[in-house]
Amino acid sequence: MPELSRFFGIIIRMFPEVGAPHHRPHFHAAYQEFKAVFALDPIECIGGTLPRTQQRLVEAWAEIHHQELLHDWALLHSGRPPLKIEPLR
């Protein structure tokens, strides 16, 4: 699963499902033993859980980089690798 960004111990990844297209653009976030999936339109947690602080950081990061995330989604689904996205600092 391609890694898009990493910040404050949070890893952001995105990948296409071969043979089973996603119905909604999304990305995956992992922090320690926690994992969650976030939709892009609107940005919201649609599966799993993160601690509240980390969830807020992920949501803020996704709002800032919304267009880049959508672009990476399109790249992945056209068979190309996604581009790295600047982390929160």
Protein backbone atom coordinates (compact mmCIF):
# COMPACT_ATOMS: atom_id res chain seq x y z
CA MET A 1 0.00 0.00 0.00
CA PRO A 2 1.73 3.24 -1.11
CA GLU A 3 2.60 5.63 1.70
CA LEU A 4 1.53 9.22 0.97
CA SER A 5 2.64 10.96 4.15
CA ARG A 6 3.88 10.45 7.71
CA PHE A 7 3.53 12.90 10.60
CA PHE A 8 3.35 12.74 14.41
CA GLY A 9 3.48 8.94 14.33
CA ILE A 10 0.58 8.74 11.85
CA ILE A 11 1.07 6.95 8.53
CA ILE A 12 -1.22 7.83 5.60
CA ARG A 13 -1.65 5.32 2.77
CA MET A 14 -3.84 4.92 -0.28
CA PHE A 15 -4.29 2.00 -2.63
CA PRO A 16 -6.66 0.74 -5.33
CA GLU A 17 -8.48 -2.58 -4.95
CA VAL A 18 -7.72 -4.70 -7.97
CA GLY A 19 -10.89 -6.26 -9.37
CA ALA A 20 -13.17 -4.49 -6.90
CA PRO A 21 -13.37 -0.74 -7.57
CA HIS A 22 -13.98 1.51 -4.61
CA HIS A 23 -17.22 3.40 -4.67
CA ARG A 24 -15.85 6.34 -2.73
CA PRO A 25 -12.39 7.95 -2.76
CA HIS A 26 -10.64 7.34 0.55
CA PHE A 27 -7.33 6.83 2.34
CA HIS A 28 -6.08 4.80 5.29
CA ALA A 29 -4.49 6.19 8.46
CA ALA A 30 -2.55 4.17 11.03
CA TYR A 31 -1.31 5.23 14.46
CA GLN A 32 0.28 2.65 16.76
CA GLU A 33 -2.23 -0.22 16.90
CA PHE A 34 -5.11 1.94 15.61
CA LYS A 35 -6.29 2.04 12.01
CA ALA A 36 -9.02 4.05 10.31
CA VAL A 37 -10.33 4.78 6.82
CA PHE A 38 -11.28 8.32 5.79
CA ALA A 39 -13.50 9.30 2.88
CA LEU A 40 -12.51 12.35 0.83
CA ASP A 41 -15.93 13.82 -0.04
CA PRO A 42 -16.74 14.79 2.63
CA ILE A 43 -13.71 14.12 4.79
CA GLU A 44 -14.97 11.76 7.45
CA CYS A 45 -13.98 8.56 9.20
CA ILE A 46 -15.86 5.69 7.55
CA GLY A 47 -14.24 2.78 9.32
CA GLY A 48 -11.95 1.89 12.19
CA THR A 49 -10.81 4.24 14.93
CA LEU A 50 -7.97 6.52 15.90
CA PRO A 51 -7.48 8.32 19.22
CA ARG A 52 -9.37 11.63 19.11
CA THR A 53 -6.26 13.83 18.87
CA GLN A 54 -4.82 11.83 15.98
CA GLN A 55 -8.19 11.75 14.21
CA ARG A 56 -8.35 15.54 14.36
CA LEU A 57 -4.81 15.81 13.00
CA VAL A 58 -5.66 13.48 10.11
CA GLU A 59 -8.85 15.40 9.31
CA ALA A 60 -7.00 18.74 9.39
CA TRP A 61 -4.23 17.36 7.16
CA ALA A 62 -6.82 15.96 4.72
CA GLU A 63 -8.62 19.33 4.53
CA ILE A 64 -5.34 21.10 3.73
CA HIS A 65 -4.36 18.53 1.10
CA HIS A 66 -7.80 17.64 -0.26
CA GLN A 67 -6.98 18.36 -3.92
CA GLU A 68 -3.70 16.43 -3.72
CA LEU A 69 -5.53 13.44 -2.23
CA LEU A 70 -8.09 13.49 -5.03
CA HIS A 71 -5.27 13.71 -7.56
CA ASP A 72 -3.49 10.73 -5.96
CA TRP A 73 -6.76 8.77 -6.04
CA ALA A 74 -7.05 9.44 -9.79
CA LEU A 75 -3.42 8.47 -10.36
CA LEU A 76 -3.83 5.16 -8.53
CA HIS A 77 -6.96 4.27 -10.42
CA SER A 78 -5.27 4.99 -13.73
CA GLY A 79 -2.47 2.57 -12.87
CA ARG A 80 0.13 5.16 -11.87
CA PRO A 81 1.82 5.58 -8.48
CA PRO A 82 0.58 8.35 -6.17
CA LEU A 83 2.69 11.37 -5.28
CA LYS A 84 3.98 12.05 -1.76
CA ILE A 85 2.07 14.72 0.18
CA GLU A 86 3.65 17.17 2.62
CA PRO A 87 3.18 16.16 6.27
CA LEU A 88 1.82 18.35 9.06
CA ARG A 89 4.59 20.19 10.87
